[in-house]
N, C-alpha and C. Protein backbone atom coordinates (compact mmCIF):
# COMPACT_ATOMS: atom_id res chain seq x y z
N UNK A 1 -41.29 31.35 -2.04
CA UNK A 1 -39.90 30.19 -1.60
C UNK A 1 -39.87 28.91 -2.62
N UNK A 2 -41.49 28.75 -2.59
CA UNK A 2 -41.92 27.46 -3.42
C UNK A 2 -41.07 27.85 -5.29
N UNK A 3 -41.26 29.08 -5.51
CA UNK A 3 -40.54 29.39 -6.82
C UNK A 3 -39.25 29.27 -6.94
N UNK A 4 -38.64 29.51 -6.05
CA UNK A 4 -36.82 29.46 -5.79
C UNK A 4 -36.70 28.01 -5.72
N UNK A 5 -37.00 26.98 -5.15
CA UNK A 5 -36.60 25.73 -5.30
C UNK A 5 -37.22 25.09 -6.28
N UNK A 6 -38.26 25.56 -6.83
CA UNK A 6 -38.61 25.18 -8.72
C UNK A 6 -37.63 25.27 -9.42
N UNK A 7 -37.22 26.68 -9.41
CA UNK A 7 -36.08 27.48 -10.51
C UNK A 7 -34.72 26.83 -9.90
N UNK A 8 -34.69 26.59 -8.78
CA UNK A 8 -33.46 25.86 -8.72
C UNK A 8 -33.39 24.18 -9.11
N UNK A 9 -34.66 23.44 -9.11
CA UNK A 9 -34.79 22.39 -9.83
C UNK A 9 -34.49 22.34 -11.11
N UNK A 10 -35.19 23.62 -11.90
CA UNK A 10 -35.28 23.64 -13.38
C UNK A 10 -33.71 23.53 -13.69
N UNK A 11 -33.01 24.48 -13.24
CA UNK A 11 -31.48 24.49 -13.34
C UNK A 11 -31.02 23.70 -13.46
N UNK A 12 -30.75 22.20 -11.97
CA UNK A 12 -30.10 21.35 -12.13
C UNK A 12 -30.62 20.40 -13.38
N UNK A 13 -31.83 20.46 -13.60
CA UNK A 13 -32.34 19.39 -14.60
C UNK A 13 -31.78 19.94 -15.83
N UNK A 14 -31.66 20.86 -16.15
CA UNK A 14 -30.88 21.41 -17.98
C UNK A 14 -29.66 21.37 -17.50
N UNK A 15 -29.20 21.51 -16.41
CA UNK A 15 -27.71 21.38 -16.39
C UNK A 15 -26.83 19.83 -16.76
N UNK A 16 -27.99 18.97 -16.15
CA UNK A 16 -27.58 17.63 -16.24
C UNK A 16 -27.74 16.79 -17.81
N UNK A 17 -29.54 17.42 -18.09
CA UNK A 17 -29.35 17.24 -19.35
C UNK A 17 -28.37 17.79 -20.40
N UNK A 18 -28.10 18.84 -20.41
CA UNK A 18 -27.19 19.83 -21.30
C UNK A 18 -25.62 18.90 -21.41
N UNK A 19 -25.15 18.60 -20.31
CA UNK A 19 -24.17 17.52 -19.97
C UNK A 19 -24.44 16.60 -20.67
N UNK A 20 -25.68 15.72 -20.52
CA UNK A 20 -25.60 14.59 -21.39
C UNK A 20 -25.87 15.04 -22.80
N UNK A 21 -26.53 15.82 -23.42
CA UNK A 21 -26.59 16.19 -24.60
C UNK A 21 -25.42 16.62 -25.54
N UNK A 22 -24.21 17.31 -24.83
CA UNK A 22 -23.42 17.44 -25.02
C UNK A 22 -22.55 16.29 -25.17
N UNK A 23 -22.22 15.12 -24.52
CA UNK A 23 -21.76 14.06 -24.65
C UNK A 23 -22.38 13.24 -25.85
N UNK A 24 -23.63 13.67 -25.96
CA UNK A 24 -24.01 12.72 -26.89
C UNK A 24 -24.03 13.38 -28.48
N UNK A 25 -23.67 14.69 -28.44
CA UNK A 25 -23.29 15.53 -29.56
C UNK A 25 -21.53 14.57 -29.70
N UNK A 26 -20.70 14.99 -28.66
CA UNK A 26 -19.29 14.77 -29.06
C UNK A 26 -19.62 13.32 -29.58
N UNK A 27 -20.30 12.09 -29.36
CA UNK A 27 -20.20 10.64 -29.58
C UNK A 27 -21.15 10.98 -31.10
N UNK A 28 -21.60 11.60 -31.55
CA UNK A 28 -22.50 11.49 -32.89
C UNK A 28 -21.85 12.23 -33.78
N UNK A 29 -20.80 13.34 -33.44
CA UNK A 29 -20.36 14.43 -34.43
C UNK A 29 -19.46 13.64 -35.26
N UNK A 30 -18.90 12.82 -34.54
CA UNK A 30 -17.70 12.35 -35.70
C UNK A 30 -18.05 11.44 -36.69
N UNK A 31 -18.99 11.20 -36.54
CA UNK A 31 -19.93 9.76 -37.43
C UNK A 31 -20.46 10.61 -38.29
N UNK A 32 -20.92 11.50 -37.90
CA UNK A 32 -21.75 12.92 -38.90
C UNK A 32 -20.72 12.95 -39.62
N UNK A 33 -19.61 13.84 -39.54
CA UNK A 33 -18.70 14.44 -40.40
C UNK A 33 -17.55 13.55 -41.11
N UNK A 34 -17.91 12.04 -40.81
CA UNK A 34 -17.13 11.03 -41.50
C UNK A 34 -17.33 10.80 -42.93
N UNK A 35 -18.57 10.92 -43.56
CA UNK A 35 -19.09 10.48 -44.91
C UNK A 35 -18.39 12.04 -45.63
N UNK A 36 -18.80 12.98 -45.32
CA UNK A 36 -17.89 14.05 -45.53
C UNK A 36 -16.50 14.22 -45.76
N UNK A 37 -15.91 13.46 -44.80
CA UNK A 37 -14.44 13.81 -44.82
C UNK A 37 -13.85 12.83 -45.90
N UNK A 38 -14.62 11.48 -45.87
CA UNK A 38 -14.25 10.54 -47.28
C UNK A 38 -14.34 10.98 -48.38
N UNK A 39 -15.40 11.47 -48.46
CA UNK A 39 -16.19 12.20 -50.04
C UNK A 39 -14.87 13.06 -50.39
N UNK A 40 -14.31 13.92 -49.55
CA UNK A 40 -13.73 15.14 -49.71
C UNK A 40 -12.20 14.20 -49.88
N UNK A 41 -11.32 13.08 -49.20
CA UNK A 41 -10.30 12.50 -49.34
C UNK A 41 -10.43 11.64 -51.23
N UNK A 42 -11.49 11.43 -51.06
CA UNK A 42 -11.75 10.54 -52.46
C UNK A 42 -11.78 11.08 -54.08
N UNK A 43 -12.25 12.66 -53.39
CA UNK A 43 -12.05 13.68 -54.34
C UNK A 43 -10.90 14.09 -54.97
N UNK A 44 -10.08 14.45 -53.81
CA UNK A 44 -8.46 14.61 -53.57
C UNK A 44 -7.62 13.65 -54.88
N UNK A 45 -7.88 12.42 -54.07
CA UNK A 45 -7.19 11.58 -54.57
C UNK A 45 -7.27 11.28 -55.89
N UNK A 46 -8.69 11.74 -56.42
CA UNK A 46 -9.46 11.35 -57.80
C UNK A 46 -8.70 12.79 -59.18
N UNK A 47 -8.83 13.87 -57.74
CA UNK A 47 -7.78 14.96 -58.81
C UNK A 47 -6.30 14.57 -58.77
N UNK A 48 -5.94 14.09 -57.93
CA UNK A 48 -4.16 13.57 -58.02
C UNK A 48 -4.11 12.42 -58.92
N UNK A 49 -4.87 11.57 -59.12
CA UNK A 49 -4.67 10.61 -60.24
C UNK A 49 -4.90 11.40 -61.65
N UNK A 50 -5.97 12.06 -61.63
CA UNK A 50 -6.12 12.97 -63.16
C UNK A 50 -5.06 14.02 -63.40
N UNK A 51 -4.11 14.44 -62.34
CA UNK A 51 -3.36 15.40 -62.44
C UNK A 51 -1.89 14.52 -63.11
N UNK A 52 -1.86 13.28 -62.42
CA UNK A 52 -0.61 12.44 -62.83
C UNK A 52 -0.93 11.84 -64.29
N UNK A 53 -1.98 11.57 -64.67
CA UNK A 53 -1.76 11.36 -65.99
C UNK A 53 -1.55 12.60 -66.78
N UNK A 54 -1.27 13.64 -66.80
CA UNK A 54 -1.06 14.60 -67.94
C UNK A 54 0.63 14.84 -68.16
């Protein structure tokens, strides 16, 4: 019986923490992606300018 309650406690703890982790990832991910998106955007603009000069 003791093992079962321990298992349930672990499960609830895990679920609670994965939920907060998911929230954390949802918060951090856009910030992580931003520099790459900016770099791609700048590269595209640079290419467009060089194409425009031709």
